[in-house]
Protein backbone atom coordinates (compact mmCIF):
# COMPACT_ATOMS: atom_id res chain seq x y z
CA MET A 1 76.01 72.40 37.54
CA LYS A 2 72.93 74.64 37.29
CA ARG A 3 70.62 72.02 37.40
CA PHE A 4 72.34 70.47 40.68
CA LYS A 5 71.89 73.91 42.28
CA PHE A 6 68.17 74.24 41.67
CA VAL A 7 67.67 70.87 43.00
CA LEU A 8 69.45 71.98 45.93
CA ALA A 9 67.48 74.76 46.16
CA LEU A 10 64.42 73.75 45.85
CA ALA A 11 65.19 70.96 48.46
CA LEU A 12 66.02 73.18 50.28
CA LEU A 13 62.57 74.98 50.19
CA CYS A 14 61.00 71.71 50.77
CA MET A 15 62.86 71.15 54.30
CA CYS A 16 61.88 74.63 55.36
CA SER A 17 58.09 74.56 54.51
CA SER A 18 57.39 71.19 56.03
CA SER A 19 59.11 72.74 59.34
CA ILE A 20 56.77 75.72 59.27
CA GLN A 21 53.67 73.22 58.82
CA ALA A 22 55.01 71.53 61.93
CA GLN A 23 54.21 74.97 63.60
CA SER A 24 50.40 75.57 63.62
CA VAL A 25 49.12 79.65 62.75
CA LYS A 26 48.19 79.88 66.04
CA ASP A 27 51.40 79.09 67.75
CA ILE A 28 52.97 81.64 65.24
CA ILE A 29 50.27 84.27 66.45
CA GLU A 30 50.77 83.56 69.96
CA GLY A 31 54.65 83.83 70.35
CA VAL A 32 54.23 87.39 67.61
CA VAL A 33 51.74 88.54 70.57
CA ASN A 34 53.69 87.46 73.47
CA THR A 35 56.66 88.95 72.09
CA VAL A 36 55.75 91.93 70.80
CA VAL A 37 53.00 92.99 73.31
CA GLY A 38 53.25 91.23 76.77
CA ASP A 39 56.97 90.57 77.21
CA LYS A 40 58.53 93.62 75.72
CA ALA A 41 55.77 96.51 74.73
CA THR A 42 54.45 96.67 78.43
CA ASN A 43 56.82 97.95 80.95
CA ALA A 44 57.09 101.00 83.30
CA LYS A 45 58.65 102.96 80.90
CA SER A 46 55.90 102.51 78.31
CA ILE A 47 53.13 103.80 80.74
CA LYS A 48 54.85 106.85 81.56
CA GLY A 49 52.39 109.83 79.58
CA THR A 50 49.12 110.99 79.36
CA TRP A 51 46.19 108.74 77.84
CA LYS A 52 43.24 109.72 76.79
CA TYR A 53 39.49 107.37 76.71
CA SER A 54 39.59 105.91 73.01
CA GLN A 55 36.63 102.94 73.62
CA PRO A 56 35.67 100.34 75.55
CA ALA A 57 37.51 97.46 76.09
CA CYS A 58 37.15 93.67 76.58
CA GLU A 59 39.35 90.86 76.71
CA PHE A 60 38.91 87.14 78.09
CA GLU A 61 41.42 85.69 80.62
CA SER A 62 41.07 82.36 78.55
CA GLU A 63 43.03 82.39 74.84
CA ASN A 64 40.79 79.52 73.38
CA PHE A 65 37.61 81.57 73.78
CA LEU A 66 38.62 84.07 70.79
CA SER A 67 39.87 80.63 68.86
CA LYS A 68 36.55 80.11 68.85
CA ALA A 69 34.31 80.90 65.95
CA GLY A 70 32.72 84.28 66.81
CA GLY A 71 34.43 85.01 69.20
CA ALA A 72 35.57 88.81 67.65
CA ALA A 73 31.98 89.11 67.55
CA VAL A 74 31.41 88.88 70.71
CA THR A 75 33.54 90.96 72.08
CA ASN A 76 32.66 93.88 69.31
CA LYS A 77 29.10 93.25 70.63
CA ILE A 78 30.32 93.31 74.71
CA LYS A 79 32.02 96.30 73.94
CA LYS A 80 28.70 98.27 72.56
CA ARG A 81 26.68 97.19 75.33
CA VAL A 82 29.54 98.81 77.59
CA ALA A 83 30.01 101.87 75.52
CA PRO A 84 26.93 103.73 76.28
CA VAL A 85 27.67 103.16 80.39
CA MET A 86 30.39 104.32 79.71
CA LYS A 87 29.62 107.60 78.43
CA SER A 88 26.25 107.30 81.60
CA LEU A 89 29.51 107.08 84.44
CA GLY A 90 31.58 110.02 82.26
CA ILE A 91 34.53 106.91 81.81
CA ASN A 92 34.78 108.07 78.14
CA GLY A 93 36.10 111.05 79.14
CA ILE A 94 38.88 109.47 81.52
CA VAL A 95 42.34 110.98 81.17
CA TYR A 96 45.15 109.13 83.02
CA THR A 97 48.52 110.43 83.37
CA PHE A 98 51.37 108.60 84.96
CA ASP A 99 54.41 110.34 85.47
CA GLY A 100 56.81 107.26 85.54
CA GLU A 101 57.55 107.67 89.26
CA GLY A 102 54.71 106.21 91.02
CA ASN A 103 52.28 108.97 90.84
CA TYR A 104 49.32 109.06 88.45
CA THR A 105 46.05 111.56 87.78
CA SER A 106 43.16 111.00 87.17
CA LYS A 107 40.73 113.54 85.14
CA ILE A 108 36.63 113.28 84.47
CA LYS A 109 35.12 116.46 82.96
CA LYS A 110 36.20 118.38 86.33
CA ARG A 111 36.72 115.94 89.06
CA VAL A 112 40.60 115.17 89.31
CA THR A 113 42.00 112.03 91.39
CA LYS A 114 45.46 111.92 92.18
CA GLY A 115 47.68 109.04 93.94
CA THR A 116 50.35 106.61 93.39
CA TYR A 117 50.55 103.41 91.26
CA VAL A 118 52.39 100.49 91.22
CA PHE A 119 53.15 98.52 88.10
CA ASP A 120 53.85 94.63 88.31
CA GLU A 121 55.85 93.71 85.53
CA LYS A 122 55.36 90.16 85.42
CA ALA A 123 51.74 90.08 85.80
CA LYS A 124 51.25 92.82 83.79
CA THR A 125 48.85 94.88 86.30
CA ILE A 126 48.35 98.58 87.54
CA THR A 127 47.86 99.09 91.46
CA PHE A 128 46.06 102.08 91.57
CA THR A 129 45.98 103.85 95.07
CA PRO A 130 44.07 107.02 95.05
CA ALA A 131 44.35 109.92 97.62
CA PHE A 132 40.89 109.25 99.08
CA GLY A 133 39.30 105.75 98.25
CA SER A 134 39.99 102.46 97.86
CA ALA A 135 43.02 101.25 95.46
CA TYR A 136 41.83 98.96 92.61
CA THR A 137 43.88 97.18 90.01
CA ALA A 138 43.66 97.10 86.42
CA TYR A 139 45.51 94.44 83.89
CA VAL A 140 47.55 96.87 81.55
CA VAL A 141 48.80 96.51 77.85
CA THR A 142 50.26 99.35 75.59
CA GLN A 143 51.43 99.14 72.04
CA GLY A 144 52.88 102.24 70.75
CA SER A 145 50.42 104.78 71.34
CA THR A 146 47.63 102.78 72.54
CA MET A 147 47.30 101.45 76.07
CA THR A 148 44.07 98.85 77.48
CA LEU A 149 43.04 99.34 80.91
CA THR A 150 40.72 96.15 81.91
CA PHE A 151 39.62 94.63 84.78
CA ASN A 152 37.63 91.69 86.16
CA ALA A 153 34.03 92.13 85.75
CA ASP A 154 33.37 90.86 89.03
CA LYS A 155 34.93 93.37 90.38
CA LEU A 156 34.08 96.18 88.20
CA MET A 157 31.41 97.49 89.88
CA ASN A 158 33.66 98.70 92.94
CA THR A 159 35.74 99.81 90.20
CA LEU A 160 33.86 101.99 88.07
CA LYS A 161 32.70 103.91 91.41
CA ALA A 162 36.24 104.38 92.83
CA VAL A 163 37.00 105.76 89.33
CA SER A 164 33.76 107.78 88.50
CA ASN A 165 32.65 108.33 91.79
CA ALA A 166 28.59 108.07 89.76
CA THR A 167 27.17 106.15 92.41
CA SER A 168 23.54 106.92 91.28
CA LYS A 169 23.82 105.50 88.26
CA LEU A 170 25.59 102.04 89.48
CA SER A 171 22.33 99.99 89.60
CA THR A 172 21.85 100.49 85.67
CA THR A 173 25.44 99.75 85.25
CA ALA A 174 25.63 96.85 87.70
CA ALA A 175 22.21 95.30 85.56
CA ILE A 176 24.22 95.30 82.29
CA VAL A 177 27.29 93.79 84.27
CA ASN A 178 25.54 91.21 85.74
CA SER A 179 23.61 90.29 82.73
CA LEU A 180 27.47 90.23 80.82
CA LEU A 181 29.07 87.92 83.78
CA SER A 182 26.43 85.63 83.35
CA SER A 183 27.27 84.62 79.74
CA TYR A 184 30.51 84.90 79.55
CA ASN A 185 33.55 82.95 82.20
CA GLY A 186 36.54 85.11 82.84
CA MET A 187 36.19 88.61 80.95
CA ARG A 188 37.91 91.81 81.49
CA ILE A 189 36.16 94.89 81.04
CA GLY A 190 37.07 98.42 80.94
CA PHE A 191 38.97 100.83 78.09
CA GLU A 192 41.32 101.56 75.60
CA LEU A 193 43.39 104.97 76.00
CA LYS A 194 44.69 106.68 73.68
CA LYS A 195 48.63 109.15 73.94
């Protein structure tokens, strides 16, 4: 009887392992990411609070890019190139506060900007409409005490201008961003914030 139970347990184990092999590791990881980050963690309630700049952020619209060898190394390289730009514009000191009722405040040094925001649950974007100036849209991901706000790289210049109001330094920023754009398609650049 013990031998029969052992053979049955071994057969069940073999069946389970063959079904696990049918799924690729990428499928499993994408499922976990979509469930934990994209679908559940990022919602109107998770955005509420005060968020302080932590570091630059870089994403690619195509998930295939990061699956290629060196994808993580490329994003780290881009973050290192963008960090001095964020510092020169004062973005590295930005603080966002979302009240959960559609109002936000951003602060860079002594400059405070107030406005309204709209969170798009499906697209996972926030559209900011400052009291003065142009509206801008960011892709948002929250996970625990971390939030990333990223912007399409081709619209980054207008966004940085709206956020920082530092027009004199934007020509240097434009050169760096244009150089990155020519190398990578579908790139989004922004920043990571911590609660």
